[in-house]
């Protein structure tokens, strides 16, 4: 084997940068060896660690009636947050609601007003308007 003590071969992907620096200086002192071990352990972590389906961003959420009407969701259909945002972007582009001078902004039409209000909205701030319309 490589002569590395087994107690130091646990997955390193979860270590903080400070801990990794300590690991590099105290345990091995050899940057290339450390890098090889770190890369190997990172690949092992990456391969073995998968987010469970239906958690975090991919979690299906209930939509408010207004939001479901806006994005064309079926009755009682659950969608993830990214899917909702994707459909809203499609709606914005289809209806040409983006500000032509600054495409970061859009002006809500009558169908969007219950969710976003009447004022011009920055598209990257869309999430704060959606949070009240998405529930577990």
Protein backbone atom coordinates (compact mmCIF):
# COMPACT_ATOMS: atom_id res chain seq x y z
CA UNK A 1 0.00 0.00 0.00
CA UNK A 2 0.98 3.67 -0.03
CA UNK A 3 2.19 3.64 3.57
CA UNK A 4 -0.51 6.06 4.68
CA UNK A 5 -2.06 5.37 8.05
CA UNK A 6 -5.67 4.21 7.60
CA UNK A 7 -6.96 6.63 10.23
CA UNK A 8 -6.18 9.51 7.85
CA UNK A 9 -8.01 8.12 4.86
CA UNK A 10 -11.57 9.05 5.84
CA UNK A 11 -13.42 11.17 3.26
CA UNK A 12 -11.91 14.62 3.16
CA UNK A 13 -14.63 16.32 1.13
CA UNK A 14 -16.33 17.50 4.33
CA UNK A 15 -13.22 19.04 5.91
CA UNK A 16 -12.90 22.80 6.21
CA UNK A 17 -9.98 24.49 4.36
CA UNK A 18 -8.23 25.12 7.70
CA UNK A 19 -8.42 21.43 8.61
CA UNK A 20 -7.15 20.50 5.14
CA UNK A 21 -4.18 22.85 5.57
CA UNK A 22 -3.42 21.25 8.93
CA UNK A 23 -3.75 17.82 7.35
CA UNK A 24 -1.31 18.85 4.64
CA UNK A 25 1.32 20.29 7.01
CA UNK A 26 1.13 17.88 9.95
CA UNK A 27 0.30 14.52 8.45
CA UNK A 28 2.12 14.39 5.15
CA UNK A 29 4.13 17.52 4.52
CA UNK A 30 4.19 16.49 0.86
CA UNK A 31 1.88 18.64 -1.25
CA UNK A 32 1.70 16.22 -4.19
CA UNK A 33 0.86 13.28 -1.94
CA UNK A 34 -1.75 15.37 -0.13
CA UNK A 35 -3.26 16.52 -3.42
CA UNK A 36 -3.47 12.96 -4.75
CA UNK A 37 -5.16 11.73 -1.56
CA UNK A 38 -7.53 14.69 -1.49
CA UNK A 39 -8.50 14.23 -5.13
CA UNK A 40 -9.08 10.51 -4.64
CA UNK A 41 -11.19 11.08 -1.53
CA UNK A 42 -13.12 13.86 -3.28
CA UNK A 43 -13.97 11.54 -6.17
CA UNK A 44 -15.08 8.82 -3.71
CA UNK A 45 -17.33 11.35 -1.92
CA UNK A 46 -18.70 12.66 -5.19
CA UNK A 47 -19.49 9.14 -6.40
CA UNK A 48 -21.04 7.90 -3.14
CA UNK A 49 -22.93 11.02 -2.11
CA UNK A 50 -26.20 11.71 -3.87
CA UNK A 51 -28.90 14.07 -2.72
CA UNK A 52 -32.06 12.09 -2.01
CA UNK A 53 -34.73 12.71 -4.63
CA UNK A 54 -37.40 15.09 -3.49
CA UNK A 55 -35.26 17.05 -1.06
CA UNK A 56 -33.85 20.55 -1.09
CA UNK A 57 -34.39 22.35 -4.38
CA UNK A 58 -35.94 19.32 -6.06
CA UNK A 59 -38.66 18.93 -3.44
CA UNK A 60 -42.13 19.09 -5.01
CA UNK A 61 -44.18 21.91 -3.51
CA UNK A 62 -47.87 22.80 -3.54
CA UNK A 63 -48.74 25.84 -5.63
CA UNK A 64 -51.20 28.58 -4.77
CA UNK A 65 -54.20 28.89 -7.10
CA UNK A 66 -52.82 32.13 -8.61
CA UNK A 67 -49.41 30.63 -9.30
CA UNK A 68 -50.87 27.43 -10.76
CA UNK A 69 -53.02 29.51 -13.14
CA UNK A 70 -50.05 31.62 -14.17
CA UNK A 71 -47.72 28.74 -15.07
CA UNK A 72 -50.40 26.41 -16.41
CA UNK A 73 -50.04 23.69 -13.80
CA UNK A 74 -52.69 21.01 -13.53
CA UNK A 75 -54.98 20.88 -10.49
CA UNK A 76 -53.08 19.63 -7.39
CA UNK A 77 -49.85 19.31 -9.42
CA UNK A 78 -46.72 19.71 -7.29
CA UNK A 79 -43.64 21.33 -8.81
CA UNK A 80 -40.12 22.04 -7.59
CA UNK A 81 -38.99 25.63 -7.15
CA UNK A 82 -36.63 25.53 -10.19
CA UNK A 83 -39.43 24.16 -12.38
CA UNK A 84 -41.73 27.00 -11.26
CA UNK A 85 -39.07 29.61 -12.05
CA UNK A 86 -38.43 27.97 -15.43
CA UNK A 87 -42.11 28.17 -16.33
CA UNK A 88 -42.34 31.80 -15.17
CA UNK A 89 -39.37 32.68 -17.40
CA UNK A 90 -41.10 30.96 -20.32
CA UNK A 91 -44.25 33.00 -19.59
CA UNK A 92 -42.24 36.25 -19.39
CA UNK A 93 -40.57 35.60 -22.73
CA UNK A 94 -43.77 34.42 -24.44
CA UNK A 95 -45.64 37.59 -23.37
CA UNK A 96 -42.56 39.83 -23.94
CA UNK A 97 -42.78 41.29 -20.44
CA UNK A 98 -39.05 41.86 -19.94
CA UNK A 99 -37.80 45.43 -19.93
CA UNK A 100 -36.16 45.88 -23.36
CA UNK A 101 -33.46 48.18 -21.96
CA UNK A 102 -32.60 46.04 -18.93
CA UNK A 103 -33.70 42.43 -19.25
CA UNK A 104 -33.13 41.81 -15.54
CA UNK A 105 -36.47 43.53 -14.92
CA UNK A 106 -39.99 42.70 -15.96
CA UNK A 107 -43.34 44.41 -15.58
CA UNK A 108 -46.08 42.05 -14.33
CA UNK A 109 -49.21 41.79 -16.44
CA UNK A 110 -52.73 41.42 -14.96
CA UNK A 111 -52.34 37.65 -14.53
CA UNK A 112 -49.04 38.10 -12.61
CA UNK A 113 -50.16 40.96 -10.35
CA UNK A 114 -51.60 38.78 -7.52
CA UNK A 115 -48.12 37.25 -7.14
CA UNK A 116 -45.68 40.04 -8.04
CA UNK A 117 -47.70 43.24 -7.56
CA UNK A 118 -47.92 46.09 -10.07
CA UNK A 119 -44.41 47.53 -9.83
CA UNK A 120 -41.48 46.56 -12.04
CA UNK A 121 -39.73 43.49 -10.54
CA UNK A 122 -36.09 42.44 -10.70
CA UNK A 123 -36.15 38.87 -12.04
CA UNK A 124 -33.44 37.68 -9.65
CA UNK A 125 -35.62 38.83 -6.74
CA UNK A 126 -38.46 36.60 -7.92
CA UNK A 127 -37.98 34.11 -5.06
CA UNK A 128 -39.20 36.49 -2.35
CA UNK A 129 -42.50 36.88 -4.20
CA UNK A 130 -42.85 33.12 -4.74
CA UNK A 131 -42.24 31.99 -1.18
CA UNK A 132 -45.80 32.77 -0.08
CA UNK A 133 -47.19 30.85 -3.07
CA UNK A 134 -45.15 27.65 -2.56
CA UNK A 135 -45.94 25.42 0.42
CA UNK A 136 -45.02 21.96 1.63
